[in-house]
Amino acid sequence: MNRSKHLLLATAVAAALAAAGAAQAETTLFGRAGMAVVNSDGFPGGNGNHAWDVRADDSYIGVEGKEDLGGGLSAVYFYKFVVNADGSASGQPFDQK
């Protein structure tokens, strides 16, 4: 191929990639890792010892977005998972919310 054909091919590929990027859905990945350090002074009837504990406090991760379907229509999606950030033994690190 000569130089002008290479330039034309490169321009066509760049235009195709730009168009594909513009047509992609708007997607957002979001989340929160909430942790709490708790000090307990003992329990009624217990031995009265103090204890420190790290606990999960509403940790989650999710994805949401919008896809233009054309003709004034759009599809919207939202999915959120609860995350056990403290390693608690609930059986599963993720749960849907």
C-alpha atoms as a PDB file:
ATOM      1  CA  MET A   1       0.000   0.000   0.000  1.00  0.00           C
ATOM      2  CA  ASN A   2       1.186   3.477  -0.631  1.00  0.00           C
ATOM      3  CA  ARG A   3       1.323   6.273   1.929  1.00  0.00           C
ATOM      4  CA  SER A   4      -2.077   7.811   1.080  1.00  0.00           C
ATOM      5  CA  LYS A   5      -3.870   4.465   1.471  1.00  0.00           C
ATOM      6  CA  HIS A   6      -2.221   3.941   4.886  1.00  0.00           C
ATOM      7  CA  LEU A   7      -3.327   7.419   5.957  1.00  0.00           C
ATOM      8  CA  LEU A   8      -6.879   6.795   4.727  1.00  0.00           C
ATOM      9  CA  LEU A   9      -7.026   3.444   6.548  1.00  0.00           C
ATOM     10  CA  ALA A  10      -5.698   4.989   9.785  1.00  0.00           C
ATOM     11  CA  THR A  11      -8.262   7.798   9.556  1.00  0.00           C
ATOM     12  CA  ALA A  12     -11.100   5.319   8.963  1.00  0.00           C
ATOM     13  CA  VAL A  13     -10.052   3.193  11.955  1.00  0.00           C
ATOM     14  CA  ALA A  14      -9.791   6.268  14.203  1.00  0.00           C
ATOM     15  CA  ALA A  15     -13.254   7.455  13.115  1.00  0.00           C
ATOM     16  CA  ALA A  16     -14.762   4.007  13.745  1.00  0.00           C
ATOM     17  CA  LEU A  17     -13.247   3.844  17.235  1.00  0.00           C
ATOM     18  CA  ALA A  18     -14.487   7.341  18.068  1.00  0.00           C
ATOM     19  CA  ALA A  19     -18.018   6.456  16.924  1.00  0.00           C
ATOM     20  CA  ALA A  20     -17.983   3.247  18.971  1.00  0.00           C
ATOM     21  CA  GLY A  21     -16.852   5.163  22.051  1.00  0.00           C
ATOM     22  CA  ALA A  22     -19.632   7.709  21.636  1.00  0.00           C
ATOM     23  CA  ALA A  23     -22.259   4.941  21.378  1.00  0.00           C
ATOM     24  CA  GLN A  24     -21.303   3.219  24.640  1.00  0.00           C
ATOM     25  CA  ALA A  25     -23.630   3.227  27.612  1.00  0.00           C
ATOM     26  CA  GLU A  26     -23.114   5.586  30.527  1.00  0.00           C
ATOM     27  CA  THR A  27     -21.957   3.232  33.302  1.00  0.00           C
ATOM     28  CA  THR A  28     -20.923   4.100  36.845  1.00  0.00           C
ATOM     29  CA  LEU A  29     -19.256   1.790  39.344  1.00  0.00           C
ATOM     30  CA  PHE A  30     -19.852   2.933  42.923  1.00  0.00           C
ATOM     31  CA  GLY A  31     -19.374   1.656  46.425  1.00  0.00           C
ATOM     32  CA  ARG A  32     -18.694   2.254  50.075  1.00  0.00           C
ATOM     33  CA  ALA A  33     -16.560   0.458  52.631  1.00  0.00           C
ATOM     34  CA  GLY A  34     -17.977   1.344  56.029  1.00  0.00           C
ATOM     35  CA  MET A  35     -16.064   0.039  59.033  1.00  0.00           C
ATOM     36  CA  ALA A  36     -16.466   0.734  62.736  1.00  0.00           C
ATOM     37  CA  VAL A  37     -14.169   0.148  65.700  1.00  0.00           C
ATOM     38  CA  VAL A  38     -16.276  -0.747  68.725  1.00  0.00           C
ATOM     39  CA  ASN A  39     -15.215  -0.861  72.375  1.00  0.00           C
ATOM     40  CA  SER A  40     -17.464  -2.856  74.671  1.00  0.00           C
ATOM     41  CA  ASP A  41     -17.337  -2.437  78.443  1.00  0.00           C
ATOM     42  CA  GLY A  42     -18.481  -5.951  79.131  1.00  0.00           C
ATOM     43  CA  PHE A  43     -21.944  -7.383  79.404  1.00  0.00           C
ATOM     44  CA  PRO A  44     -24.294  -7.694  82.360  1.00  0.00           C
ATOM     45  CA  GLY A  45     -23.368 -10.872  84.180  1.00  0.00           C
ATOM     46  CA  GLY A  46     -20.093 -11.099  82.235  1.00  0.00           C
ATOM     47  CA  ASN A  47     -16.519 -10.881  83.464  1.00  0.00           C
ATOM     48  CA  GLY A  48     -16.321  -7.081  83.024  1.00  0.00           C
ATOM     49  CA  ASN A  49     -13.457  -7.156  80.495  1.00  0.00           C
ATOM     50  CA  HIS A  50     -13.132  -4.481  77.832  1.00  0.00           C
ATOM     51  CA  ALA A  51     -12.902  -5.582  74.208  1.00  0.00           C
ATOM     52  CA  TRP A  52     -12.177  -3.872  70.896  1.00  0.00           C
ATOM     53  CA  ASP A  53     -13.846  -5.135  67.737  1.00  0.00           C
ATOM     54  CA  VAL A  54     -13.847  -4.106  64.069  1.00  0.00           C
ATOM     55  CA  ARG A  55     -17.256  -4.404  62.419  1.00  0.00           C
ATOM     56  CA  ALA A  56     -18.671  -3.798  58.964  1.00  0.00           C
ATOM     57  CA  ASP A  57     -21.062  -0.873  58.751  1.00  0.00           C
ATOM     58  CA  ASP A  58     -23.140  -0.864  55.538  1.00  0.00           C
ATOM     59  CA  SER A  59     -20.463  -1.705  52.943  1.00  0.00           C
ATOM     60  CA  TYR A  60     -21.573  -2.151  49.338  1.00  0.00           C
ATOM     61  CA  ILE A  61     -20.506  -2.080  45.699  1.00  0.00           C
ATOM     62  CA  GLY A  62     -22.741  -1.485  42.708  1.00  0.00           C
ATOM     63  CA  VAL A  63     -23.109  -0.592  39.073  1.00  0.00           C
ATOM     64  CA  GLU A  64     -25.640   1.682  37.425  1.00  0.00           C
ATOM     65  CA  GLY A  65     -26.079   3.096  33.972  1.00  0.00           C
ATOM     66  CA  LYS A  66     -28.218   4.224  31.109  1.00  0.00           C
ATOM     67  CA  GLU A  67     -28.306   3.106  27.476  1.00  0.00           C
ATOM     68  CA  ASP A  68     -29.933   5.181  24.737  1.00  0.00           C
ATOM     69  CA  LEU A  69     -32.185   2.889  22.672  1.00  0.00           C
ATOM     70  CA  GLY A  70     -33.119   5.552  20.143  1.00  0.00           C
ATOM     71  CA  GLY A  71     -36.502   7.058  19.387  1.00  0.00           C
ATOM     72  CA  GLY A  72     -36.592   8.811  22.753  1.00  0.00           C
ATOM     73  CA  LEU A  73     -36.293   5.539  24.689  1.00  0.00           C
ATOM     74  CA  SER A  74     -33.573   4.523  27.102  1.00  0.00           C
ATOM     75  CA  ALA A  75     -32.800   1.545  29.318  1.00  0.00           C
ATOM     76  CA  VAL A  76     -31.716   2.191  32.904  1.00  0.00           C
ATOM     77  CA  TYR A  77     -30.046  -0.368  35.175  1.00  0.00           C
ATOM     78  CA  PHE A  78     -29.006  -0.399  38.830  1.00  0.00           C
ATOM     79  CA  TYR A  79     -27.578  -3.300  40.829  1.00  0.00           C
ATOM     80  CA  LYS A  80     -26.118  -3.131  44.327  1.00  0.00           C
ATOM     81  CA  PHE A  81     -24.326  -5.839  46.338  1.00  0.00           C
ATOM     82  CA  VAL A  82     -23.791  -5.831  50.089  1.00  0.00           C
ATOM     83  CA  VAL A  83     -20.155  -6.593  50.952  1.00  0.00           C
ATOM     84  CA  ASN A  84     -19.053  -8.148  54.238  1.00  0.00           C
ATOM     85  CA  ALA A  85     -15.937  -6.000  54.558  1.00  0.00           C
ATOM     86  CA  ASP A  86     -15.043  -7.218  58.047  1.00  0.00           C
ATOM     87  CA  GLY A  87     -14.670 -10.861  57.003  1.00  0.00           C
ATOM     88  CA  SER A  88     -17.652 -11.953  59.080  1.00  0.00           C
ATOM     89  CA  ALA A  89     -18.679 -15.566  58.702  1.00  0.00           C
ATOM     90  CA  SER A  90     -22.048 -15.071  57.033  1.00  0.00           C
ATOM     91  CA  GLY A  91     -21.213 -17.694  54.412  1.00  0.00           C
ATOM     92  CA  GLN A  92     -20.934 -15.284  51.486  1.00  0.00           C
ATOM     93  CA  PRO A  93     -18.793 -12.173  50.973  1.00  0.00           C
ATOM     94  CA  PHE A  94     -21.478 -10.655  48.684  1.00  0.00           C
ATOM     95  CA  ASP A  95     -25.264 -10.445  48.943  1.00  0.00           C
ATOM     96  CA  GLN A  96     -27.700  -8.564  46.741  1.00  0.00           C
ATOM     97  CA  LYS A  97     -29.606  -5.570  48.043  1.00  0.00           C
END
